[in-house]
Amino acid sequence: MRPKLFARITRFQAPLENKALHPGRTWTEVAHNFGYFDQMHMIHDFEQLAGGSPKEMLTHVETVFVEQISQIRSDAVAAAYACDARLAL
């Protein structure tokens, strides 16, 4: 596998995982956080590499891995509350 293709695939996976863990973020925020010039640049990569839009891919991932994602999200919320409690002390 060519290094540039490997980097592209790696960059393609990260936004999907990030959006699954942080559903409140917009796709534009996610695109910029992972080095895409804009949201359309990210969408273009998703369509070329996976055959669908980021939203379609996220829906598929959430359907297949619903229990795992729910657990990770609840762990993240619990960690945020614990951090807030420590700051209040």
PDB file of N, CA and C in Angstrom:
ATOM      1  N   MET A   1       0.842  -1.166   0.000  1.00  0.00           N
ATOM      2  CA  MET A   1       0.000   0.000   0.000  1.00  0.00           C
ATOM      3  C   MET A   1       0.898   1.243   0.000  1.00  0.00           C
ATOM      4  N   ARG A   2       0.540   2.187  -0.833  1.00  0.00           N
ATOM      5  CA  ARG A   2       1.300   3.433  -0.910  1.00  0.00           C
ATOM      6  C   ARG A   2       1.120   4.245   0.374  1.00  0.00           C
ATOM      7  N   PRO A   3       2.154   4.934   0.826  1.00  0.00           N
ATOM      8  CA  PRO A   3       2.065   5.716   2.062  1.00  0.00           C
ATOM      9  C   PRO A   3       0.959   6.778   2.033  1.00  0.00           C
ATOM     10  N   LYS A   4       0.778   7.419   0.891  1.00  0.00           N
ATOM     11  CA  LYS A   4      -0.253   8.458   0.801  1.00  0.00           C
ATOM     12  C   LYS A   4      -1.649   7.851   0.947  1.00  0.00           C
ATOM     13  N   LEU A   5      -1.874   6.693   0.372  1.00  0.00           N
ATOM     14  CA  LEU A   5      -3.163   6.019   0.511  1.00  0.00           C
ATOM     15  C   LEU A   5      -3.387   5.589   1.956  1.00  0.00           C
ATOM     16  N   PHE A   6      -2.348   5.076   2.593  1.00  0.00           N
ATOM     17  CA  PHE A   6      -2.452   4.687   3.998  1.00  0.00           C
ATOM     18  C   PHE A   6      -2.835   5.894   4.863  1.00  0.00           C
ATOM     19  N   ALA A   7      -2.179   7.033   4.629  1.00  0.00           N
ATOM     20  CA  ALA A   7      -2.486   8.249   5.388  1.00  0.00           C
ATOM     21  C   ALA A   7      -3.920   8.701   5.140  1.00  0.00           C
ATOM     22  N   ARG A   8      -4.365   8.581   3.920  1.00  0.00           N
ATOM     23  CA  ARG A   8      -5.735   8.977   3.574  1.00  0.00           C
ATOM     24  C   ARG A   8      -6.759   8.087   4.275  1.00  0.00           C
ATOM     25  N   ILE A   9      -6.514   6.792   4.306  1.00  0.00           N
ATOM     26  CA  ILE A   9      -7.421   5.852   4.977  1.00  0.00           C
ATOM     27  C   ILE A   9      -7.438   6.121   6.477  1.00  0.00           C
ATOM     28  N   THR A  10      -6.279   6.371   7.048  1.00  0.00           N
ATOM     29  CA  THR A  10      -6.196   6.673   8.481  1.00  0.00           C
ATOM     30  C   THR A  10      -6.959   7.948   8.804  1.00  0.00           C
ATOM     31  N   ARG A  11      -6.783   8.965   7.975  1.00  0.00           N
ATOM     32  CA  ARG A  11      -7.491  10.230   8.193  1.00  0.00           C
ATOM     33  C   ARG A  11      -8.990  10.054   7.988  1.00  0.00           C
ATOM     34  N   PHE A  12      -9.388   9.157   7.132  1.00  0.00           N
ATOM     35  CA  PHE A  12     -10.796   8.871   6.874  1.00  0.00           C
ATOM     36  C   PHE A  12     -11.462   8.225   8.090  1.00  0.00           C
ATOM     37  N   GLN A  13     -10.758   7.361   8.792  1.00  0.00           N
ATOM     38  CA  GLN A  13     -11.341   6.643   9.930  1.00  0.00           C
ATOM     39  C   GLN A  13     -11.509   7.533  11.155  1.00  0.00           C
ATOM     40  N   ALA A  14     -10.577   8.412  11.404  1.00  0.00           N
ATOM     41  CA  ALA A  14     -10.582   9.219  12.627  1.00  0.00           C
ATOM     42  C   ALA A  14     -11.817  10.109  12.776  1.00  0.00           C
ATOM     43  N   PRO A  15     -12.266  10.832  11.740  1.00  0.00           N
ATOM     44  CA  PRO A  15     -13.450  11.673  11.920  1.00  0.00           C
ATOM     45  C   PRO A  15     -14.708  10.872  12.257  1.00  0.00           C
ATOM     46  N   LEU A  16     -14.824   9.700  11.686  1.00  0.00           N
ATOM     47  CA  LEU A  16     -15.993   8.863  11.951  1.00  0.00           C
ATOM     48  C   LEU A  16     -16.022   8.441  13.414  1.00  0.00           C
ATOM     49  N   GLU A  17     -14.891   8.017  13.930  1.00  0.00           N
ATOM     50  CA  GLU A  17     -14.809   7.632  15.339  1.00  0.00           C
ATOM     51  C   GLU A  17     -15.080   8.834  16.240  1.00  0.00           C
ATOM     52  N   ASN A  18     -14.533   9.986  15.876  1.00  0.00           N
ATOM     53  CA  ASN A  18     -14.705  11.187  16.682  1.00  0.00           C
ATOM     54  C   ASN A  18     -16.167  11.622  16.720  1.00  0.00           C
ATOM     55  N   LYS A  19     -16.833  11.588  15.589  1.00  0.00           N
ATOM     56  CA  LYS A  19     -18.248  11.991  15.530  1.00  0.00           C
ATOM     57  C   LYS A  19     -19.112  11.006  16.301  1.00  0.00           C
ATOM     58  N   ALA A  20     -18.776   9.729  16.266  1.00  0.00           N
ATOM     59  CA  ALA A  20     -19.529   8.731  17.032  1.00  0.00           C
ATOM     60  C   ALA A  20     -19.398   8.989  18.529  1.00  0.00           C
ATOM     61  N   LEU A  21     -18.225   9.403  18.972  1.00  0.00           N
ATOM     62  CA  LEU A  21     -17.997   9.666  20.394  1.00  0.00           C
ATOM     63  C   LEU A  21     -18.522  11.026  20.836  1.00  0.00           C
ATOM     64  N   HIS A  22     -18.594  11.974  19.909  1.00  0.00           N
ATOM     65  CA  HIS A  22     -19.025  13.339  20.229  1.00  0.00           C
ATOM     66  C   HIS A  22     -20.127  13.773  19.256  1.00  0.00           C
ATOM     67  N   PRO A  23     -21.346  13.266  19.434  1.00  0.00           N
ATOM     68  CA  PRO A  23     -22.418  13.542  18.474  1.00  0.00           C
ATOM     69  C   PRO A  23     -22.820  15.010  18.383  1.00  0.00           C
ATOM     70  N   GLY A  24     -22.466  15.816  19.373  1.00  0.00           N
ATOM     71  CA  GLY A  24     -22.825  17.232  19.347  1.00  0.00           C
ATOM     72  C   GLY A  24     -21.981  18.074  18.410  1.00  0.00           C
ATOM     73  N   ARG A  25     -20.860  17.552  17.971  1.00  0.00           N
ATOM     74  CA  ARG A  25     -19.992  18.298  17.057  1.00  0.00           C
ATOM     75  C   ARG A  25     -20.586  18.290  15.651  1.00  0.00           C
ATOM     76  N   THR A  26     -20.416  19.396  14.953  1.00  0.00           N
ATOM     77  CA  THR A  26     -20.883  19.450  13.569  1.00  0.00           C
ATOM     78  C   THR A  26     -19.871  18.744  12.672  1.00  0.00           C
ATOM     79  N   TRP A  27     -20.328  18.343  11.499  1.00  0.00           N
ATOM     80  CA  TRP A  27     -19.420  17.696  10.552  1.00  0.00           C
ATOM     81  C   TRP A  27     -18.327  18.666  10.107  1.00  0.00           C
ATOM     82  N   THR A  28     -18.653  19.955  10.044  1.00  0.00           N
ATOM     83  CA  THR A  28     -17.644  20.949   9.669  1.00  0.00           C
ATOM     84  C   THR A  28     -16.538  21.013  10.715  1.00  0.00           C
ATOM     85  N   GLU A  29     -16.912  21.018  12.001  1.00  0.00           N
ATOM     86  CA  GLU A  29     -15.913  21.006  13.074  1.00  0.00           C
ATOM     87  C   GLU A  29     -15.033  19.763  12.979  1.00  0.00           C
ATOM     88  N   VAL A  30     -15.676  18.634  12.772  1.00  0.00           N
ATOM     89  CA  VAL A  30     -14.936  17.372  12.679  1.00  0.00           C
ATOM     90  C   VAL A  30     -13.968  17.419  11.496  1.00  0.00           C
ATOM     91  N   ALA A  31     -14.444  17.896  10.355  1.00  0.00           N
ATOM     92  CA  ALA A  31     -13.588  17.973   9.164  1.00  0.00           C
ATOM     93  C   ALA A  31     -12.355  18.833   9.436  1.00  0.00           C
ATOM     94  N   HIS A  32     -12.551  19.988  10.024  1.00  0.00           N
ATOM     95  CA  HIS A  32     -11.417  20.881  10.294  1.00  0.00           C
ATOM     96  C   HIS A  32     -10.472  20.300  11.336  1.00  0.00           C
ATOM     97  N   ASN A  33     -11.022  19.615  12.334  1.00  0.00           N
ATOM     98  CA  ASN A  33     -10.177  19.021  13.379  1.00  0.00           C
ATOM     99  C   ASN A  33      -9.254  17.932  12.843  1.00  0.00           C
ATOM    100  N   PHE A  34      -9.619  17.330  11.720  1.00  0.00           N
ATOM    101  CA  PHE A  34      -8.815  16.229  11.185  1.00  0.00           C
ATOM    102  C   PHE A  34      -8.115  16.578   9.876  1.00  0.00           C
ATOM    103  N   GLY A  35      -7.906  17.872   9.665  1.00  0.00           N
ATOM    104  CA  GLY A  35      -7.048  18.305   8.577  1.00  0.00           C
ATOM    105  C   GLY A  35      -7.685  18.419   7.210  1.00  0.00           C
ATOM    106  N   TYR A  36      -8.998  18.328   7.132  1.00  0.00           N
ATOM    107  CA  TYR A  36      -9.661  18.538   5.849  1.00  0.00           C
ATOM    108  C   TYR A  36      -9.825  20.039   5.628  1.00  0.00           C
ATOM    109  N   PHE A  37      -9.705  20.472   4.392  1.00  0.00           N
ATOM    110  CA  PHE A  37      -9.839  21.889   4.066  1.00  0.00           C
ATOM    111  C   PHE A  37     -11.245  22.382   4.381  1.00  0.00           C
ATOM    112  N   ASP A  38     -12.239  21.559   4.047  1.00  0.00           N
ATOM    113  CA  ASP A  38     -13.630  21.885   4.348  1.00  0.00           C
ATOM    114  C   ASP A  38     -14.447  20.598   4.399  1.00  0.00           C
ATOM    115  N   GLN A  39     -15.728  20.735   4.685  1.00  0.00           N
ATOM    116  CA  GLN A  39     -16.590  19.564   4.837  1.00  0.00           C
ATOM    117  C   GLN A  39     -16.710  18.786   3.526  1.00  0.00           C
ATOM    118  N   MET A  40     -16.782  19.476   2.403  1.00  0.00           N
ATOM    119  CA  MET A  40     -16.909  18.787   1.117  1.00  0.00           C
ATOM    120  C   MET A  40     -15.673  17.944   0.804  1.00  0.00           C
ATOM    121  N   HIS A  41     -14.508  18.403   1.207  1.00  0.00           N
ATOM    122  CA  HIS A  41     -13.275  17.632   1.019  1.00  0.00           C
ATOM    123  C   HIS A  41     -13.389  16.300   1.768  1.00  0.00           C
ATOM    124  N   MET A  42     -13.904  16.358   3.003  1.00  0.00           N
ATOM    125  CA  MET A  42     -14.084  15.141   3.794  1.00  0.00           C
ATOM    126  C   MET A  42     -15.141  14.237   3.151  1.00  0.00           C
ATOM    127  N   ILE A  43     -16.243  14.823   2.716  1.00  0.00           N
ATOM    128  CA  ILE A  43     -17.309  14.038   2.081  1.00  0.00           C
ATOM    129  C   ILE A  43     -16.771  13.336   0.838  1.00  0.00           C
ATOM    130  N   HIS A  44     -15.963  14.031   0.062  1.00  0.00           N
ATOM    131  CA  HIS A  44     -15.371  13.446  -1.144  1.00  0.00           C
ATOM    132  C   HIS A  44     -14.528  12.218  -0.789  1.00  0.00           C
ATOM    133  N   ASP A  45     -13.711  12.325   0.256  1.00  0.00           N
ATOM    134  CA  ASP A  45     -12.911  11.174   0.699  1.00  0.00           C
ATOM    135  C   ASP A  45     -13.807  10.015   1.125  1.00  0.00           C
ATOM    136  N   PHE A  46     -14.844  10.304   1.887  1.00  0.00           N
ATOM    137  CA  PHE A  46     -15.755   9.252   2.338  1.00  0.00           C
ATOM    138  C   PHE A  46     -16.401   8.549   1.149  1.00  0.00           C
ATOM    139  N   GLU A  47     -16.857   9.320   0.171  1.00  0.00           N
ATOM    140  CA  GLU A  47     -17.511   8.712  -0.988  1.00  0.00           C
ATOM    141  C   GLU A  47     -16.539   7.860  -1.791  1.00  0.00           C
ATOM    142  N   GLN A  48     -15.305   8.314  -1.928  1.00  0.00           N
ATOM    143  CA  GLN A  48     -14.318   7.536  -2.679  1.00  0.00           C
ATOM    144  C   GLN A  48     -13.876   6.282  -1.932  1.00  0.00           C
ATOM    145  N   LEU A  49     -13.682   6.395  -0.621  1.00  0.00           N
ATOM    146  CA  LEU A  49     -13.139   5.271   0.142  1.00  0.00           C
ATOM    147  C   LEU A  49     -14.202   4.305   0.645  1.00  0.00           C
ATOM    148  N   ALA A  50     -15.400   4.801   0.908  1.00  0.00           N
ATOM    149  CA  ALA A  50     -16.425   3.939   1.506  1.00  0.00           C
ATOM    150  C   ALA A  50     -17.712   3.858   0.698  1.00  0.00           C
ATOM    151  N   GLY A  51     -17.839   4.693  -0.316  1.00  0.00           N
ATOM    152  CA  GLY A  51     -19.027   4.627  -1.152  1.00  0.00           C
ATOM    153  C   GLY A  51     -20.255   5.300  -0.565  1.00  0.00           C
ATOM    154  N   GLY A  52     -20.071   6.160   0.427  1.00  0.00           N
ATOM    155  CA  GLY A  52     -21.204   6.855   1.025  1.00  0.00           C
ATOM    156  C   GLY A  52     -20.759   8.100   1.760  1.00  0.00           C
ATOM    157  N   SER A  53     -21.737   8.874   2.193  1.00  0.00           N
ATOM    158  CA  SER A  53     -21.434  10.105   2.918  1.00  0.00           C
ATOM    159  C   SER A  53     -21.035   9.791   4.358  1.00  0.00           C
ATOM    160  N   PRO A  54     -20.408  10.741   5.040  1.00  0.00           N
ATOM    161  CA  PRO A  54     -20.069  10.517   6.449  1.00  0.00           C
ATOM    162  C   PRO A  54     -21.299  10.194   7.302  1.00  0.00           C
ATOM    163  N   LYS A  55     -22.396  10.885   7.046  1.00  0.00           N
ATOM    164  CA  LYS A  55     -23.617  10.637   7.820  1.00  0.00           C
ATOM    165  C   LYS A  55     -24.126   9.214   7.600  1.00  0.00           C
ATOM    166  N   GLU A  56     -24.098   8.746   6.357  1.00  0.00           N
ATOM    167  CA  GLU A  56     -24.518   7.364   6.069  1.00  0.00           C
ATOM    168  C   GLU A  56     -23.610   6.360   6.767  1.00  0.00           C
ATOM    169  N   MET A  57     -22.317   6.629   6.739  1.00  0.00           N
ATOM    170  CA  MET A  57     -21.371   5.719   7.384  1.00  0.00           C
ATOM    171  C   MET A  57     -21.563   5.706   8.895  1.00  0.00           C
ATOM    172  N   LEU A  58     -21.799   6.885   9.489  1.00  0.00           N
ATOM    173  CA  LEU A  58     -22.009   6.961  10.930  1.00  0.00           C
ATOM    174  C   LEU A  58     -23.274   6.213  11.324  1.00  0.00           C
ATOM    175  N   THR A  59     -24.331   6.366  10.551  1.00  0.00           N
ATOM    176  CA  THR A  59     -25.576   5.644  10.829  1.00  0.00           C
ATOM    177  C   THR A  59     -25.332   4.146  10.804  1.00  0.00           C
ATOM    178  N   HIS A  60     -24.574   3.682   9.829  1.00  0.00           N
ATOM    179  CA  HIS A  60     -24.254   2.256   9.730  1.00  0.00           C
ATOM    180  C   HIS A  60     -23.433   1.792  10.936  1.00  0.00           C
ATOM    181  N   VAL A  61     -22.406   2.554  11.280  1.00  0.00           N
ATOM    182  CA  VAL A  61     -21.549   2.197  12.421  1.00  0.00           C
ATOM    183  C   VAL A  61     -22.362   2.176  13.710  1.00  0.00           C
ATOM    184  N   GLU A  62     -23.206   3.186  13.907  1.00  0.00           N
ATOM    185  CA  GLU A  62     -24.020   3.243  15.128  1.00  0.00           C
ATOM    186  C   GLU A  62     -25.008   2.089  15.197  1.00  0.00           C
ATOM    187  N   THR A  63     -25.509   1.648  14.067  1.00  0.00           N
ATOM    188  CA  THR A  63     -26.434   0.513  14.043  1.00  0.00           C
ATOM    189  C   THR A  63     -25.717  -0.779  14.410  1.00  0.00           C
ATOM    190  N   VAL A  64     -24.546  -0.972  13.860  1.00  0.00           N
ATOM    191  CA  VAL A  64     -23.796  -2.204  14.090  1.00  0.00           C
ATOM    192  C   VAL A  64     -23.185  -2.248  15.493  1.00  0.00           C
ATOM    193  N   PHE A  65     -22.679  -1.111  15.952  1.00  0.00           N
ATOM    194  CA  PHE A  65     -21.954  -1.077  17.228  1.00  0.00           C
ATOM    195  C   PHE A  65     -22.683  -0.259  18.295  1.00  0.00           C
ATOM    196  N   VAL A  66     -24.003  -0.316  18.314  1.00  0.00           N
ATOM    197  CA  VAL A  66     -24.804   0.528  19.202  1.00  0.00           C
ATOM    198  C   VAL A  66     -24.435   0.354  20.674  1.00  0.00           C
ATOM    199  N   GLU A  67     -24.248  -0.855  21.131  1.00  0.00           N
ATOM    200  CA  GLU A  67     -23.937  -1.084  22.543  1.00  0.00           C
ATOM    201  C   GLU A  67     -22.563  -0.534  22.916  1.00  0.00           C
ATOM    202  N   GLN A  68     -21.575  -0.775  22.083  1.00  0.00           N
ATOM    203  CA  GLN A  68     -20.223  -0.303  22.374  1.00  0.00           C
ATOM    204  C   GLN A  68     -20.165   1.227  22.398  1.00  0.00           C
ATOM    205  N   ILE A  69     -20.814   1.869  21.429  1.00  0.00           N
ATOM    206  CA  ILE A  69     -20.804   3.330  21.364  1.00  0.00           C
ATOM    207  C   ILE A  69     -21.534   3.923  22.562  1.00  0.00           C
ATOM    208  N   SER A  70     -22.658   3.336  22.943  1.00  0.00           N
ATOM    209  CA  SER A  70     -23.398   3.825  24.111  1.00  0.00           C
ATOM    210  C   SER A  70     -22.546   3.742  25.366  1.00  0.00           C
ATOM    211  N   GLN A  71     -21.819   2.653  25.527  1.00  0.00           N
ATOM    212  CA  GLN A  71     -20.959   2.489  26.699  1.00  0.00           C
ATOM    213  C   GLN A  71     -19.842   3.529  26.711  1.00  0.00           C
ATOM    214  N   ILE A  72     -19.217   3.742  25.575  1.00  0.00           N
ATOM    215  CA  ILE A  72     -18.132   4.723  25.490  1.00  0.00           C
ATOM    216  C   ILE A  72     -18.655   6.126  25.774  1.00  0.00           C
ATOM    217  N   ARG A  73     -19.831   6.459  25.207  1.00  0.00           N
ATOM    218  CA  ARG A  73     -20.410   7.783  25.456  1.00  0.00           C
ATOM    219  C   ARG A  73     -20.741   7.969  26.932  1.00  0.00           C
ATOM    220  N   SER A  74     -21.311   6.957  27.577  1.00  0.00           N
ATOM    221  CA  SER A  74     -21.661   7.097  28.995  1.00  0.00           C
ATOM    222  C   SER A  74     -20.400   7.196  29.855  1.00  0.00           C
ATOM    223  N   ASP A  75     -19.349   6.483  29.486  1.00  0.00           N
ATOM    224  CA  ASP A  75     -18.074   6.598  30.203  1.00  0.00           C
ATOM    225  C   ASP A  75     -17.504   8.011  30.067  1.00  0.00           C
ATOM    226  N   ALA A  76     -17.631   8.599  28.877  1.00  0.00           N
ATOM    227  CA  ALA A  76     -17.124   9.953  28.650  1.00  0.00           C
ATOM    228  C   ALA A  76     -17.903  10.966  29.481  1.00  0.00           C
ATOM    229  N   VAL A  77     -19.217  10.797  29.576  1.00  0.00           N
ATOM    230  CA  VAL A  77     -20.039  11.701  30.387  1.00  0.00           C
ATOM    231  C   VAL A  77     -19.667  11.569  31.855  1.00  0.00           C
ATOM    232  N   ALA A  78     -19.501  10.351  32.327  1.00  0.00           N
ATOM    233  CA  ALA A  78     -19.122  10.121  33.726  1.00  0.00           C
ATOM    234  C   ALA A  78     -17.762  10.752  34.028  1.00  0.00           C
ATOM    235  N   ALA A  79     -16.834  10.636  33.111  1.00  0.00           N
ATOM    236  CA  ALA A  79     -15.508  11.231  33.310  1.00  0.00           C
ATOM    237  C   ALA A  79     -15.602  12.756  33.360  1.00  0.00           C
ATOM    238  N   ALA A  80     -16.458  13.335  32.536  1.00  0.00           N
ATOM    239  CA  ALA A  80     -16.631  14.794  32.537  1.00  0.00           C
ATOM    240  C   ALA A  80     -17.215  15.265  33.861  1.00  0.00           C
ATOM    241  N   TYR A  81     -18.205  14.531  34.382  1.00  0.00           N
ATOM    242  CA  TYR A  81     -18.787  14.890  35.682  1.00  0.00           C
ATOM    243  C   TYR A  81     -17.753  14.763  36.795  1.00  0.00           C
ATOM    244  N   ALA A  82     -16.938  13.744  36.745  1.00  0.00           N
ATOM    245  CA  ALA A  82     -15.902  13.557  37.763  1.00  0.00           C
ATOM    246  C   ALA A  82     -14.903  14.711  37.722  1.00  0.00           C
ATOM    247  N   CYS A  83     -14.556  15.144  36.526  1.00  0.00           N
ATOM    248  CA  CYS A  83     -13.629  16.266  36.367  1.00  0.00           C
ATOM    249  C   CYS A  83     -14.259  17.542  36.920  1.00  0.00           C
ATOM    250  N   ASP A  84     -15.550  17.776  36.625  1.00  0.00           N
ATOM    251  CA  ASP A  84     -16.253  18.948  37.144  1.00  0.00           C
ATOM    252  C   ASP A  84     -16.307  18.924  38.666  1.00  0.00           C
ATOM    253  N   ALA A  85     -16.529  17.749  39.245  1.00  0.00           N
ATOM    254  CA  ALA A  85     -16.602  17.622  40.702  1.00  0.00           C
ATOM    255  C   ALA A  85     -15.250  17.951  41.334  1.00  0.00           C
ATOM    256  N   ARG A  86     -14.167  17.530  40.693  1.00  0.00           N
ATOM    257  CA  ARG A  86     -12.831  17.827  41.220  1.00  0.00           C
ATOM    258  C   ARG A  86     -12.526  19.318  41.146  1.00  0.00           C
ATOM    259  N   LEU A  87     -13.001  19.969  40.099  1.00  0.00           N
ATOM    260  CA  LEU A  87     -12.759  21.406  39.954  1.00  0.00           C
ATOM    261  C   LEU A  87     -13.538  22.212  40.985  1.00  0.00           C
ATOM    262  N   ALA A  88     -14.696  21.695  41.414  1.00  0.00           N
ATOM    263  CA  ALA A  88     -15.525  22.396  42.392  1.00  0.00           C
ATOM    264  C   ALA A  88     -14.906  22.361  43.780  1.00  0.00           C
ATOM    265  N   LEU A  89     -14.028  21.396  44.021  1.00  0.00           N
ATOM    266  CA  LEU A  89     -13.398  21.283  45.345  1.00  0.00           C
ATOM    267  C   LEU A  89     -12.387  22.320  45.497  1.00  0.00           C
TER     268      LEU A  89
END
